[in-house]
N, C-alpha and C. Protein backbone atom coordinates (compact mmCIF):
# COMPACT_ATOMS: atom_id res chain seq x y z
N MET A 1 0.84 -1.19 0.00
CA MET A 1 0.00 0.00 0.00
C MET A 1 0.88 1.25 0.00
N GLU A 2 0.64 2.12 -0.94
CA GLU A 2 1.45 3.33 -1.07
C GLU A 2 1.19 4.26 0.12
N SER A 3 2.22 4.93 0.58
CA SER A 3 2.06 5.88 1.68
C SER A 3 2.81 7.17 1.37
N HIS A 4 2.36 8.25 2.01
CA HIS A 4 2.97 9.57 1.80
C HIS A 4 3.09 10.25 3.16
N GLU A 5 4.27 10.82 3.43
CA GLU A 5 4.44 11.63 4.63
C GLU A 5 4.09 13.07 4.29
N VAL A 6 3.19 13.64 5.07
CA VAL A 6 2.73 15.02 4.80
C VAL A 6 2.79 15.84 6.08
N LYS A 7 3.14 17.10 5.92
CA LYS A 7 3.25 18.00 7.07
C LYS A 7 1.92 18.72 7.31
N ILE A 8 1.55 18.85 8.57
CA ILE A 8 0.36 19.63 8.92
C ILE A 8 0.64 21.11 8.73
N LEU A 9 -0.24 21.79 8.00
CA LEU A 9 -0.08 23.21 7.72
C LEU A 9 -0.88 24.08 8.68
N LYS A 10 -2.06 23.57 9.11
CA LYS A 10 -2.92 24.38 9.98
C LYS A 10 -3.92 23.48 10.67
N THR A 11 -4.25 23.78 11.93
CA THR A 11 -5.34 23.11 12.64
C THR A 11 -6.23 24.16 13.26
N GLU A 12 -7.52 23.85 13.35
CA GLU A 12 -8.45 24.75 14.04
C GLU A 12 -9.66 23.98 14.50
N ASN A 13 -10.25 24.41 15.60
CA ASN A 13 -11.46 23.79 16.12
C ASN A 13 -12.67 24.42 15.45
N ILE A 14 -13.60 23.58 14.96
CA ILE A 14 -14.81 24.13 14.33
C ILE A 14 -16.07 23.84 15.15
N THR A 15 -16.00 22.91 16.09
CA THR A 15 -17.00 22.76 17.15
C THR A 15 -16.24 22.41 18.41
N HIS A 16 -16.97 22.11 19.47
CA HIS A 16 -16.31 21.78 20.74
C HIS A 16 -15.50 20.51 20.66
N ASP A 17 -15.80 19.62 19.71
CA ASP A 17 -15.03 18.38 19.62
C ASP A 17 -14.72 17.96 18.17
N VAL A 18 -14.75 18.91 17.26
CA VAL A 18 -14.41 18.62 15.86
C VAL A 18 -13.29 19.56 15.43
N LYS A 19 -12.28 18.98 14.80
CA LYS A 19 -11.08 19.73 14.41
C LYS A 19 -10.89 19.65 12.91
N ARG A 20 -10.52 20.77 12.31
CA ARG A 20 -10.15 20.82 10.90
C ARG A 20 -8.63 20.79 10.81
N ILE A 21 -8.10 19.85 10.02
CA ILE A 21 -6.66 19.72 9.85
C ILE A 21 -6.34 19.83 8.36
N ARG A 22 -5.50 20.79 8.01
CA ARG A 22 -5.06 20.94 6.63
C ARG A 22 -3.60 20.51 6.52
N VAL A 23 -3.32 19.71 5.49
CA VAL A 23 -1.98 19.15 5.33
C VAL A 23 -1.50 19.32 3.89
N GLU A 24 -0.22 19.07 3.69
CA GLU A 24 0.35 19.10 2.35
C GLU A 24 -0.34 18.05 1.47
N LYS A 25 -0.38 18.33 0.17
CA LYS A 25 -0.96 17.39 -0.78
C LYS A 25 0.15 16.81 -1.65
N PRO A 26 0.34 15.49 -1.62
CA PRO A 26 1.38 14.88 -2.45
C PRO A 26 1.14 15.14 -3.94
N ALA A 27 2.17 15.25 -4.70
CA ALA A 27 2.05 15.47 -6.14
C ALA A 27 1.27 14.33 -6.79
N GLY A 28 0.30 14.69 -7.59
CA GLY A 28 -0.47 13.68 -8.32
C GLY A 28 -1.53 12.96 -7.50
N TYR A 29 -1.73 13.38 -6.26
CA TYR A 29 -2.69 12.70 -5.38
C TYR A 29 -4.11 13.14 -5.74
N LYS A 30 -4.97 12.20 -6.08
CA LYS A 30 -6.32 12.53 -6.54
C LYS A 30 -7.36 11.68 -5.84
N TYR A 31 -8.57 12.23 -5.72
CA TYR A 31 -9.67 11.51 -5.09
C TYR A 31 -10.99 12.10 -5.58
N ILE A 32 -12.05 11.37 -5.32
CA ILE A 32 -13.40 11.81 -5.67
C ILE A 32 -14.07 12.30 -4.39
N PRO A 33 -14.82 13.43 -4.42
CA PRO A 33 -15.52 13.88 -3.20
C PRO A 33 -16.32 12.74 -2.57
N GLY A 34 -16.10 12.55 -1.27
CA GLY A 34 -16.73 11.46 -0.55
C GLY A 34 -15.77 10.35 -0.19
N GLN A 35 -14.59 10.33 -0.85
CA GLN A 35 -13.62 9.28 -0.58
C GLN A 35 -12.73 9.61 0.62
N ALA A 36 -11.97 8.61 1.06
CA ALA A 36 -11.19 8.71 2.29
C ALA A 36 -9.83 8.06 2.12
N THR A 37 -9.04 8.11 3.19
CA THR A 37 -7.76 7.40 3.24
C THR A 37 -7.49 7.00 4.67
N GLU A 38 -6.55 6.09 4.86
CA GLU A 38 -6.08 5.74 6.20
C GLU A 38 -5.03 6.78 6.61
N VAL A 39 -5.16 7.28 7.83
CA VAL A 39 -4.25 8.31 8.34
C VAL A 39 -3.56 7.80 9.60
N ALA A 40 -2.26 7.99 9.67
CA ALA A 40 -1.47 7.66 10.86
C ALA A 40 -0.62 8.87 11.24
N ILE A 41 -0.19 8.91 12.48
CA ILE A 41 0.70 9.97 12.94
C ILE A 41 2.14 9.45 12.85
N LYS A 42 2.99 10.19 12.19
CA LYS A 42 4.37 9.74 12.01
C LYS A 42 5.03 9.47 13.36
N GLY A 43 5.62 8.28 13.46
CA GLY A 43 6.32 7.91 14.68
C GLY A 43 5.46 7.28 15.75
N LYS A 44 4.15 7.12 15.47
CA LYS A 44 3.25 6.52 16.46
C LYS A 44 2.48 5.38 15.83
N GLU A 45 2.06 4.44 16.67
CA GLU A 45 1.27 3.32 16.18
C GLU A 45 -0.19 3.73 16.04
N GLY A 46 -0.92 2.96 15.25
CA GLY A 46 -2.35 3.21 15.09
C GLY A 46 -2.64 4.07 13.89
N LYS A 47 -3.80 3.82 13.30
CA LYS A 47 -4.26 4.62 12.17
C LYS A 47 -5.78 4.55 12.12
N GLY A 48 -6.37 5.40 11.30
CA GLY A 48 -7.82 5.40 11.19
C GLY A 48 -8.26 5.95 9.85
N PRO A 49 -9.50 5.64 9.43
CA PRO A 49 -10.01 6.14 8.16
C PRO A 49 -10.62 7.52 8.31
N PHE A 50 -10.23 8.44 7.44
CA PHE A 50 -10.78 9.78 7.49
C PHE A 50 -11.06 10.28 6.07
N THR A 51 -12.16 11.00 5.94
CA THR A 51 -12.62 11.49 4.65
C THR A 51 -11.97 12.82 4.31
N PHE A 52 -11.64 13.00 3.05
CA PHE A 52 -11.18 14.31 2.58
C PHE A 52 -12.38 15.27 2.55
N THR A 53 -12.22 16.45 3.14
CA THR A 53 -13.29 17.44 3.06
C THR A 53 -12.90 18.62 2.17
N SER A 54 -11.67 18.61 1.66
CA SER A 54 -11.26 19.58 0.64
C SER A 54 -11.69 19.06 -0.73
N LEU A 55 -11.61 19.93 -1.73
CA LEU A 55 -11.92 19.52 -3.09
C LEU A 55 -10.65 19.09 -3.80
N ASN A 56 -10.79 18.26 -4.80
CA ASN A 56 -9.63 17.65 -5.45
C ASN A 56 -8.72 18.68 -6.13
N ASP A 57 -9.29 19.81 -6.56
CA ASP A 57 -8.46 20.79 -7.26
C ASP A 57 -7.79 21.79 -6.32
N GLU A 58 -7.95 21.63 -5.02
CA GLU A 58 -7.29 22.51 -4.06
C GLU A 58 -5.84 22.07 -3.87
N PRO A 59 -4.94 22.99 -3.53
CA PRO A 59 -3.52 22.66 -3.41
C PRO A 59 -3.17 21.93 -2.11
N GLU A 60 -4.10 21.89 -1.15
CA GLU A 60 -3.86 21.22 0.13
C GLU A 60 -4.96 20.18 0.37
N LEU A 61 -4.71 19.27 1.30
CA LEU A 61 -5.73 18.31 1.74
C LEU A 61 -6.32 18.79 3.06
N GLU A 62 -7.61 18.55 3.23
CA GLU A 62 -8.27 18.91 4.48
C GLU A 62 -9.03 17.72 5.03
N PHE A 63 -8.93 17.52 6.34
CA PHE A 63 -9.73 16.53 7.05
C PHE A 63 -10.53 17.24 8.13
N THR A 64 -11.77 16.83 8.32
CA THR A 64 -12.63 17.37 9.38
C THR A 64 -12.93 16.20 10.30
N ILE A 65 -12.37 16.23 11.52
CA ILE A 65 -12.29 15.04 12.36
C ILE A 65 -12.92 15.27 13.73
N LYS A 66 -13.82 14.37 14.12
CA LYS A 66 -14.37 14.42 15.47
C LYS A 66 -13.37 13.81 16.43
N ILE A 67 -13.04 14.54 17.48
CA ILE A 67 -12.03 14.12 18.44
C ILE A 67 -12.70 13.47 19.65
N TYR A 68 -12.35 12.22 19.90
CA TYR A 68 -12.90 11.50 21.07
C TYR A 68 -11.83 11.47 22.16
N ASN A 69 -11.82 12.51 22.99
CA ASN A 69 -10.79 12.61 24.03
C ASN A 69 -10.96 11.60 25.13
N GLU A 70 -12.18 11.06 25.28
CA GLU A 70 -12.44 10.12 26.37
C GLU A 70 -12.00 8.70 26.02
N VAL A 71 -11.57 8.51 24.77
CA VAL A 71 -11.17 7.18 24.31
C VAL A 71 -9.74 7.23 23.79
N ALA A 72 -8.89 6.33 24.29
CA ALA A 72 -7.52 6.26 23.79
C ALA A 72 -7.55 5.77 22.34
N GLY A 73 -6.95 6.53 21.45
CA GLY A 73 -6.99 6.14 20.04
C GLY A 73 -6.49 7.25 19.14
N ILE A 74 -6.65 7.04 17.85
CA ILE A 74 -6.07 7.95 16.87
C ILE A 74 -6.66 9.35 16.94
N THR A 75 -7.99 9.47 17.15
CA THR A 75 -8.54 10.83 17.12
C THR A 75 -8.07 11.64 18.33
N LYS A 76 -7.93 11.01 19.48
CA LYS A 76 -7.42 11.72 20.66
C LYS A 76 -6.03 12.26 20.38
N GLU A 77 -5.20 11.46 19.72
CA GLU A 77 -3.83 11.89 19.40
C GLU A 77 -3.84 12.97 18.32
N LEU A 78 -4.72 12.83 17.33
CA LEU A 78 -4.81 13.86 16.29
C LEU A 78 -5.23 15.20 16.88
N GLY A 79 -6.05 15.15 17.92
CA GLY A 79 -6.50 16.39 18.56
C GLY A 79 -5.39 17.17 19.22
N LYS A 80 -4.25 16.52 19.47
CA LYS A 80 -3.12 17.19 20.13
C LYS A 80 -2.15 17.83 19.14
N LEU A 81 -2.31 17.53 17.86
CA LEU A 81 -1.31 17.95 16.87
C LEU A 81 -1.44 19.42 16.51
N LYS A 82 -0.37 19.95 15.95
CA LYS A 82 -0.33 21.35 15.55
C LYS A 82 0.45 21.47 14.24
N ALA A 83 0.48 22.65 13.68
CA ALA A 83 1.21 22.89 12.43
C ALA A 83 2.68 22.48 12.61
N GLY A 84 3.19 21.79 11.60
CA GLY A 84 4.57 21.32 11.64
C GLY A 84 4.69 19.84 11.96
N ASP A 85 3.68 19.28 12.65
CA ASP A 85 3.68 17.84 12.91
C ASP A 85 3.42 17.10 11.60
N GLU A 86 3.72 15.80 11.58
CA GLU A 86 3.61 15.06 10.33
C GLU A 86 2.66 13.87 10.44
N LEU A 87 1.93 13.63 9.35
CA LEU A 87 1.03 12.49 9.23
C LEU A 87 1.52 11.59 8.10
N ILE A 88 1.02 10.37 8.11
CA ILE A 88 1.24 9.45 7.00
C ILE A 88 -0.14 9.11 6.42
N ILE A 89 -0.33 9.37 5.13
CA ILE A 89 -1.58 9.03 4.48
C ILE A 89 -1.32 7.95 3.44
N HIS A 90 -2.37 7.21 3.11
CA HIS A 90 -2.22 6.06 2.24
C HIS A 90 -3.07 6.20 0.98
N ASP A 91 -3.39 5.07 0.36
CA ASP A 91 -4.18 5.08 -0.86
C ASP A 91 -5.59 5.61 -0.60
N VAL A 92 -6.21 6.08 -1.66
CA VAL A 92 -7.58 6.58 -1.60
C VAL A 92 -8.55 5.41 -1.73
N TRP A 93 -9.64 5.45 -0.96
CA TRP A 93 -10.67 4.43 -1.07
C TRP A 93 -12.02 5.04 -0.69
N GLY A 94 -13.08 4.29 -0.87
CA GLY A 94 -14.40 4.74 -0.45
C GLY A 94 -15.43 4.64 -1.55
N SER A 95 -16.62 4.17 -1.18
CA SER A 95 -17.68 3.97 -2.17
C SER A 95 -18.81 4.98 -2.06
N ILE A 96 -18.68 5.94 -1.12
CA ILE A 96 -19.70 6.99 -1.06
C ILE A 96 -19.28 8.10 -2.01
N ASN A 97 -19.92 8.16 -3.16
CA ASN A 97 -19.70 9.28 -4.07
C ASN A 97 -21.01 9.62 -4.75
N TYR A 98 -21.06 10.78 -5.33
CA TYR A 98 -22.32 11.34 -5.83
C TYR A 98 -22.76 10.64 -7.10
N LYS A 99 -24.01 10.17 -7.08
CA LYS A 99 -24.57 9.45 -8.22
C LYS A 99 -25.77 10.19 -8.84
N GLY A 100 -26.18 11.28 -8.20
CA GLY A 100 -27.31 12.05 -8.71
C GLY A 100 -28.08 12.66 -7.55
N PRO A 101 -29.00 13.60 -7.84
CA PRO A 101 -29.75 14.28 -6.79
C PRO A 101 -30.47 13.30 -5.86
N GLY A 102 -30.55 13.68 -4.59
CA GLY A 102 -31.22 12.81 -3.64
C GLY A 102 -31.19 13.36 -2.23
N VAL A 103 -31.46 12.47 -1.28
CA VAL A 103 -31.53 12.81 0.13
C VAL A 103 -30.34 12.18 0.85
N PHE A 104 -29.63 12.99 1.62
CA PHE A 104 -28.46 12.54 2.37
C PHE A 104 -28.82 12.48 3.85
N PHE A 105 -28.58 11.32 4.48
CA PHE A 105 -28.80 11.15 5.92
C PHE A 105 -27.45 11.02 6.61
N ALA A 106 -27.19 11.87 7.59
CA ALA A 106 -25.91 11.85 8.30
C ALA A 106 -26.14 11.73 9.79
N GLY A 107 -25.46 10.77 10.41
CA GLY A 107 -25.49 10.65 11.86
C GLY A 107 -24.21 11.17 12.45
N GLY A 108 -24.27 12.32 13.14
CA GLY A 108 -23.09 12.90 13.77
C GLY A 108 -21.97 13.17 12.77
N ALA A 109 -20.78 12.64 13.10
CA ALA A 109 -19.61 12.85 12.23
C ALA A 109 -19.73 12.11 10.90
N GLY A 110 -20.81 11.33 10.74
CA GLY A 110 -21.07 10.69 9.45
C GLY A 110 -21.33 11.69 8.34
N VAL A 111 -21.45 12.96 8.68
CA VAL A 111 -21.64 13.98 7.66
C VAL A 111 -20.35 14.24 6.87
N THR A 112 -19.20 13.81 7.39
CA THR A 112 -17.94 14.22 6.76
C THR A 112 -17.79 13.79 5.30
N PRO A 113 -18.23 12.59 4.87
CA PRO A 113 -18.09 12.28 3.45
C PRO A 113 -18.95 13.18 2.56
N PHE A 114 -19.97 13.79 3.15
CA PHE A 114 -20.87 14.63 2.37
C PHE A 114 -20.35 16.06 2.21
N ILE A 115 -19.38 16.45 3.04
CA ILE A 115 -18.89 17.84 3.01
C ILE A 115 -18.31 18.17 1.64
N ALA A 116 -17.36 17.36 1.16
CA ALA A 116 -16.74 17.65 -0.13
C ALA A 116 -17.75 17.48 -1.27
N ILE A 117 -18.67 16.53 -1.13
CA ILE A 117 -19.69 16.34 -2.17
C ILE A 117 -20.51 17.61 -2.33
N PHE A 118 -20.99 18.17 -1.23
CA PHE A 118 -21.81 19.38 -1.32
C PHE A 118 -20.98 20.60 -1.72
N ARG A 119 -19.75 20.67 -1.26
CA ARG A 119 -18.90 21.80 -1.68
C ARG A 119 -18.68 21.78 -3.19
N GLN A 120 -18.46 20.58 -3.75
CA GLN A 120 -18.26 20.47 -5.19
C GLN A 120 -19.54 20.81 -5.96
N LEU A 121 -20.68 20.30 -5.49
CA LEU A 121 -21.95 20.60 -6.14
C LEU A 121 -22.24 22.10 -6.10
N PHE A 122 -21.97 22.72 -4.96
CA PHE A 122 -22.22 24.15 -4.81
C PHE A 122 -21.31 24.95 -5.74
N LYS A 123 -20.05 24.56 -5.80
CA LYS A 123 -19.09 25.23 -6.67
C LYS A 123 -19.51 25.12 -8.13
N ASP A 124 -20.04 23.95 -8.51
CA ASP A 124 -20.43 23.70 -9.90
C ASP A 124 -21.83 24.18 -10.24
N GLY A 125 -22.54 24.73 -9.25
CA GLY A 125 -23.91 25.20 -9.48
C GLY A 125 -24.89 24.06 -9.69
N LYS A 126 -24.63 22.91 -9.06
CA LYS A 126 -25.47 21.73 -9.28
C LYS A 126 -26.08 21.19 -7.99
N ILE A 127 -26.23 22.05 -6.99
CA ILE A 127 -26.69 21.57 -5.68
C ILE A 127 -28.21 21.41 -5.62
N ALA A 128 -28.93 22.00 -6.55
CA ALA A 128 -30.40 21.92 -6.54
C ALA A 128 -30.86 20.48 -6.61
N GLY A 129 -31.94 20.18 -5.91
CA GLY A 129 -32.51 18.84 -5.93
C GLY A 129 -31.95 17.92 -4.87
N ASN A 130 -31.06 18.44 -4.01
CA ASN A 130 -30.47 17.64 -2.95
C ASN A 130 -30.92 18.15 -1.58
N LYS A 131 -31.02 17.23 -0.64
CA LYS A 131 -31.45 17.55 0.71
C LYS A 131 -30.52 16.83 1.69
N LEU A 132 -30.10 17.52 2.76
CA LEU A 132 -29.23 16.94 3.78
C LEU A 132 -29.96 16.93 5.11
N ILE A 133 -30.11 15.73 5.70
CA ILE A 133 -30.75 15.57 7.00
C ILE A 133 -29.69 15.08 7.98
N CYS A 134 -29.39 15.89 8.99
CA CYS A 134 -28.36 15.55 9.97
C CYS A 134 -28.97 15.26 11.33
N SER A 135 -28.53 14.19 11.96
CA SER A 135 -28.95 13.86 13.32
C SER A 135 -27.77 14.06 14.26
N ASN A 136 -27.98 14.87 15.30
CA ASN A 136 -26.96 15.11 16.32
C ASN A 136 -27.59 15.08 17.70
N LYS A 137 -26.75 14.90 18.71
CA LYS A 137 -27.27 14.87 20.08
C LYS A 137 -27.77 16.25 20.50
N THR A 138 -26.97 17.29 20.24
CA THR A 138 -27.33 18.65 20.65
C THR A 138 -27.00 19.63 19.53
N GLU A 139 -27.48 20.85 19.67
CA GLU A 139 -27.22 21.87 18.65
C GLU A 139 -25.73 22.15 18.50
N LYS A 140 -24.98 22.12 19.60
CA LYS A 140 -23.55 22.45 19.52
C LYS A 140 -22.75 21.38 18.78
N ASP A 141 -23.38 20.22 18.53
CA ASP A 141 -22.70 19.14 17.81
C ASP A 141 -22.82 19.27 16.29
N ILE A 142 -23.64 20.19 15.81
CA ILE A 142 -23.85 20.32 14.36
C ILE A 142 -22.55 20.80 13.71
N ILE A 143 -22.09 20.06 12.72
CA ILE A 143 -20.83 20.36 12.05
C ILE A 143 -21.08 21.26 10.84
N LEU A 144 -20.32 22.36 10.74
CA LEU A 144 -20.39 23.30 9.61
C LEU A 144 -21.81 23.80 9.36
N LYS A 145 -22.51 24.12 10.42
CA LYS A 145 -23.91 24.55 10.33
C LYS A 145 -24.07 25.75 9.39
N ASN A 146 -23.25 26.76 9.57
CA ASN A 146 -23.41 27.98 8.75
C ASN A 146 -23.12 27.71 7.27
N GLU A 147 -22.11 26.89 7.00
CA GLU A 147 -21.77 26.60 5.61
C GLU A 147 -22.87 25.80 4.92
N PHE A 148 -23.40 24.79 5.61
CA PHE A 148 -24.47 24.00 5.02
C PHE A 148 -25.74 24.85 4.83
N GLU A 149 -26.02 25.75 5.76
CA GLU A 149 -27.18 26.63 5.61
C GLU A 149 -27.01 27.52 4.39
N ARG A 150 -25.79 28.00 4.17
CA ARG A 150 -25.53 28.86 3.02
C ARG A 150 -25.67 28.08 1.71
N MET A 151 -25.21 26.84 1.69
CA MET A 151 -25.26 26.05 0.46
C MET A 151 -26.65 25.50 0.18
N LEU A 152 -27.36 25.06 1.23
CA LEU A 152 -28.59 24.31 1.02
C LEU A 152 -29.86 25.03 1.44
N GLY A 153 -29.73 26.08 2.25
CA GLY A 153 -30.93 26.78 2.68
C GLY A 153 -31.88 25.86 3.44
N GLU A 154 -33.16 25.87 3.07
CA GLU A 154 -34.16 25.07 3.77
C GLU A 154 -34.00 23.57 3.52
N ASN A 155 -33.13 23.19 2.61
CA ASN A 155 -32.88 21.77 2.36
C ASN A 155 -31.78 21.21 3.27
N PHE A 156 -31.37 22.00 4.27
CA PHE A 156 -30.50 21.51 5.33
C PHE A 156 -31.37 21.35 6.57
N ILE A 157 -31.62 20.11 6.94
CA ILE A 157 -32.59 19.79 8.01
C ILE A 157 -31.85 19.13 9.17
N ASN A 158 -32.09 19.65 10.37
CA ASN A 158 -31.40 19.13 11.55
C ASN A 158 -32.36 18.48 12.53
N VAL A 159 -31.93 17.32 13.03
CA VAL A 159 -32.67 16.58 14.05
C VAL A 159 -31.80 16.51 15.29
N ILE A 160 -32.34 16.91 16.44
CA ILE A 160 -31.61 16.90 17.70
C ILE A 160 -32.26 15.86 18.62
N THR A 161 -31.46 14.95 19.18
CA THR A 161 -32.04 13.83 19.92
C THR A 161 -31.93 13.94 21.44
N ARG A 162 -31.06 14.82 21.95
CA ARG A 162 -30.86 14.83 23.41
C ARG A 162 -31.04 16.19 24.06
N GLU A 163 -31.70 17.10 23.39
CA GLU A 163 -32.09 18.36 24.01
C GLU A 163 -33.28 18.92 23.27
N GLN A 164 -34.04 19.76 23.93
CA GLN A 164 -35.19 20.38 23.30
C GLN A 164 -34.76 21.67 22.61
N SER A 165 -35.19 21.85 21.37
CA SER A 165 -34.85 23.05 20.61
C SER A 165 -36.03 23.45 19.75
N GLU A 166 -36.37 24.72 19.79
CA GLU A 166 -37.47 25.21 18.97
C GLU A 166 -37.06 25.36 17.51
N LYS A 167 -35.76 25.36 17.24
CA LYS A 167 -35.27 25.59 15.87
C LYS A 167 -35.20 24.30 15.06
N TYR A 168 -35.12 23.14 15.73
CA TYR A 168 -34.88 21.88 15.02
C TYR A 168 -35.88 20.82 15.44
N TYR A 169 -35.94 19.76 14.67
CA TYR A 169 -36.75 18.61 15.05
C TYR A 169 -36.13 17.94 16.27
N ASN A 170 -36.97 17.59 17.23
CA ASN A 170 -36.48 16.96 18.46
C ASN A 170 -36.94 15.50 18.49
N GLN A 171 -36.28 14.67 17.71
CA GLN A 171 -36.67 13.27 17.63
C GLN A 171 -35.60 12.48 16.88
N LYS A 172 -35.77 11.18 16.86
CA LYS A 172 -34.90 10.34 16.05
C LYS A 172 -35.47 10.25 14.63
N ILE A 173 -34.62 9.88 13.71
CA ILE A 173 -35.06 9.71 12.33
C ILE A 173 -35.70 8.32 12.22
N ASP A 174 -37.04 8.30 12.19
CA ASP A 174 -37.76 7.03 12.08
C ASP A 174 -38.63 7.05 10.83
N GLU A 175 -39.44 6.03 10.66
CA GLU A 175 -40.25 5.93 9.45
C GLU A 175 -41.21 7.10 9.29
N SER A 176 -41.86 7.50 10.38
CA SER A 176 -42.83 8.60 10.29
C SER A 176 -42.14 9.90 9.91
N PHE A 177 -40.95 10.12 10.44
CA PHE A 177 -40.20 11.34 10.10
C PHE A 177 -39.82 11.34 8.62
N ILE A 178 -39.30 10.21 8.15
CA ILE A 178 -38.88 10.13 6.75
C ILE A 178 -40.07 10.36 5.82
N LYS A 179 -41.22 9.78 6.15
CA LYS A 179 -42.42 9.95 5.30
C LYS A 179 -42.90 11.40 5.32
N LYS A 180 -42.60 12.11 6.41
CA LYS A 180 -42.99 13.52 6.51
C LYS A 180 -42.08 14.42 5.67
N ILE A 181 -40.80 14.05 5.60
CA ILE A 181 -39.80 14.88 4.93
C ILE A 181 -39.62 14.52 3.46
N VAL A 182 -39.75 13.24 3.15
CA VAL A 182 -39.46 12.74 1.80
C VAL A 182 -40.75 12.39 1.07
N THR A 183 -40.89 12.90 -0.15
CA THR A 183 -42.08 12.57 -0.94
C THR A 183 -41.74 11.69 -2.15
N ASN A 184 -40.49 11.71 -2.56
CA ASN A 184 -40.06 10.95 -3.74
C ASN A 184 -39.13 9.82 -3.30
N PHE A 185 -39.57 8.58 -3.45
CA PHE A 185 -38.76 7.44 -3.05
C PHE A 185 -38.11 6.74 -4.23
N LYS A 186 -38.02 7.45 -5.35
CA LYS A 186 -37.35 6.91 -6.53
C LYS A 186 -36.11 7.71 -6.89
N GLN A 187 -35.58 8.45 -5.91
CA GLN A 187 -34.33 9.19 -6.09
C GLN A 187 -33.22 8.48 -5.31
N HIS A 188 -32.03 9.03 -5.35
CA HIS A 188 -30.92 8.43 -4.61
C HIS A 188 -31.01 8.79 -3.12
N PHE A 189 -30.54 7.87 -2.29
CA PHE A 189 -30.46 8.09 -0.85
C PHE A 189 -29.05 7.73 -0.39
N TYR A 190 -28.41 8.65 0.32
CA TYR A 190 -27.04 8.47 0.80
C TYR A 190 -27.08 8.43 2.33
N ILE A 191 -26.42 7.44 2.93
CA ILE A 191 -26.46 7.28 4.38
C ILE A 191 -25.06 7.08 4.92
N CYS A 192 -24.70 7.84 5.96
CA CYS A 192 -23.40 7.64 6.62
C CYS A 192 -23.52 8.01 8.09
N GLY A 193 -22.90 7.21 8.93
CA GLY A 193 -22.93 7.44 10.37
C GLY A 193 -22.60 6.16 11.10
N PRO A 194 -22.94 6.06 12.38
CA PRO A 194 -22.72 4.82 13.12
C PRO A 194 -23.44 3.65 12.44
N ASN A 195 -22.90 2.45 12.61
CA ASN A 195 -23.43 1.28 11.91
C ASN A 195 -24.93 1.09 12.12
N LYS A 196 -25.40 1.25 13.36
CA LYS A 196 -26.83 1.05 13.63
C LYS A 196 -27.67 2.12 12.93
N PHE A 197 -27.19 3.35 12.91
CA PHE A 197 -27.88 4.44 12.22
C PHE A 197 -28.04 4.10 10.75
N VAL A 198 -26.96 3.67 10.11
CA VAL A 198 -26.99 3.35 8.69
C VAL A 198 -27.96 2.19 8.41
N LYS A 199 -27.84 1.14 9.20
CA LYS A 199 -28.68 -0.05 8.98
C LYS A 199 -30.16 0.27 9.22
N ASP A 200 -30.45 1.02 10.28
CA ASP A 200 -31.85 1.35 10.58
C ASP A 200 -32.49 2.14 9.45
N ILE A 201 -31.79 3.16 8.96
CA ILE A 201 -32.36 3.99 7.90
C ILE A 201 -32.45 3.21 6.60
N GLN A 202 -31.45 2.41 6.32
CA GLN A 202 -31.48 1.58 5.11
C GLN A 202 -32.69 0.64 5.15
N ASN A 203 -32.95 0.03 6.29
CA ASN A 203 -34.10 -0.87 6.42
C ASN A 203 -35.42 -0.14 6.22
N ILE A 204 -35.52 1.05 6.81
CA ILE A 204 -36.76 1.84 6.65
C ILE A 204 -36.99 2.19 5.19
N LEU A 205 -35.94 2.66 4.53
CA LEU A 205 -36.08 3.04 3.12
C LEU A 205 -36.51 1.86 2.26
N GLU A 206 -35.91 0.70 2.51
CA GLU A 206 -36.27 -0.48 1.73
C GLU A 206 -37.73 -0.89 2.00
N GLU A 207 -38.17 -0.75 3.26
CA GLU A 207 -39.56 -1.06 3.60
C GLU A 207 -40.53 -0.07 2.93
N LEU A 208 -40.04 1.14 2.67
CA LEU A 208 -40.87 2.15 2.00
C LEU A 208 -40.79 2.02 0.47
N GLY A 209 -40.10 0.99 0.00
CA GLY A 209 -40.10 0.70 -1.43
C GLY A 209 -38.92 1.23 -2.21
N VAL A 210 -37.90 1.75 -1.51
CA VAL A 210 -36.73 2.27 -2.21
C VAL A 210 -35.90 1.10 -2.73
N SER A 211 -35.55 1.15 -4.01
CA SER A 211 -34.72 0.11 -4.62
C SER A 211 -33.32 0.13 -4.01
N LYS A 212 -32.76 -1.06 -3.76
CA LYS A 212 -31.43 -1.14 -3.15
C LYS A 212 -30.37 -0.43 -3.96
N ASP A 213 -30.54 -0.39 -5.27
CA ASP A 213 -29.50 0.24 -6.10
C ASP A 213 -29.57 1.77 -6.05
N LEU A 214 -30.55 2.32 -5.33
CA LEU A 214 -30.63 3.76 -5.14
C LEU A 214 -30.08 4.19 -3.77
N ILE A 215 -29.68 3.21 -2.95
CA ILE A 215 -29.17 3.51 -1.61
C ILE A 215 -27.64 3.40 -1.63
N VAL A 216 -26.99 4.50 -1.27
CA VAL A 216 -25.52 4.58 -1.29
C VAL A 216 -24.99 4.58 0.14
N VAL A 217 -24.22 3.55 0.50
CA VAL A 217 -23.59 3.46 1.81
C VAL A 217 -22.15 3.02 1.62
N GLU A 218 -21.33 3.18 2.65
CA GLU A 218 -19.96 2.70 2.58
C GLU A 218 -19.96 1.18 2.63
N LYS A 219 -19.17 0.56 1.75
CA LYS A 219 -19.12 -0.90 1.67
C LYS A 219 -17.74 -1.40 2.06
C-alpha cells in the first residue's frame, strides 16, 4: 500500500469536539468527493479512516475530524497535533460518491463524506434537488452549520435527539419522520454514520419501497 508523509499546515477547532486539519498534498494525489484514506501519525502506532473534506483541485488536503478525548486512540492523538507535525496518508478508497440528486442522511460525524460532495456541487452550481438531514445529540454538535445553511438553505434539516430546541426537530429519524420529509422514493439516498444508524435507515427506506440500487452506503 502506497504511503505519503505530509506535514500539517494548519489546525483549528470548528465545534467543541471537531477539528479541521489541513496538510500538504502529495504530487499527483487525486480523489473523488466522498472518498477517504487511512491516516497515521508519524512515529506513532495506530491509524484510522478519514474522509477528505477539501476539493480535489485545491492545493492542500483537508480533514474534518471528530475528536474522542475520552477514548484512547487515533482521534485523541490527532487532537493534540499542531502545524509542523507530520502524518502518514495512504491510498484513496471509499464507495460513497455522488450518483445524482437525492436525500443525504448523516449521523453525527457521518456527515464528513458529504462535506466535499456538497462543496463540489455548490461550486459547480449543481446543488439543486439535494437535501441533507443531519442527526446530532445537541445543537452544539452540528458540524459546519453555517456553511451548510448557506449552500442548502431550507434543504439543510437538523434533528436533535438529546435536548429540546425550537429551531430543530427533536426526535430520532424514524419511518414517520422520513415519510414527513421525503415525498419521492425513486431518487438516490445516501447514508453515513454509526453502523446502527446506517442499517436502521437503510431498512426503513427499503420497507418504503426504495430500490437497493438507489441507496448509497460505505461498503
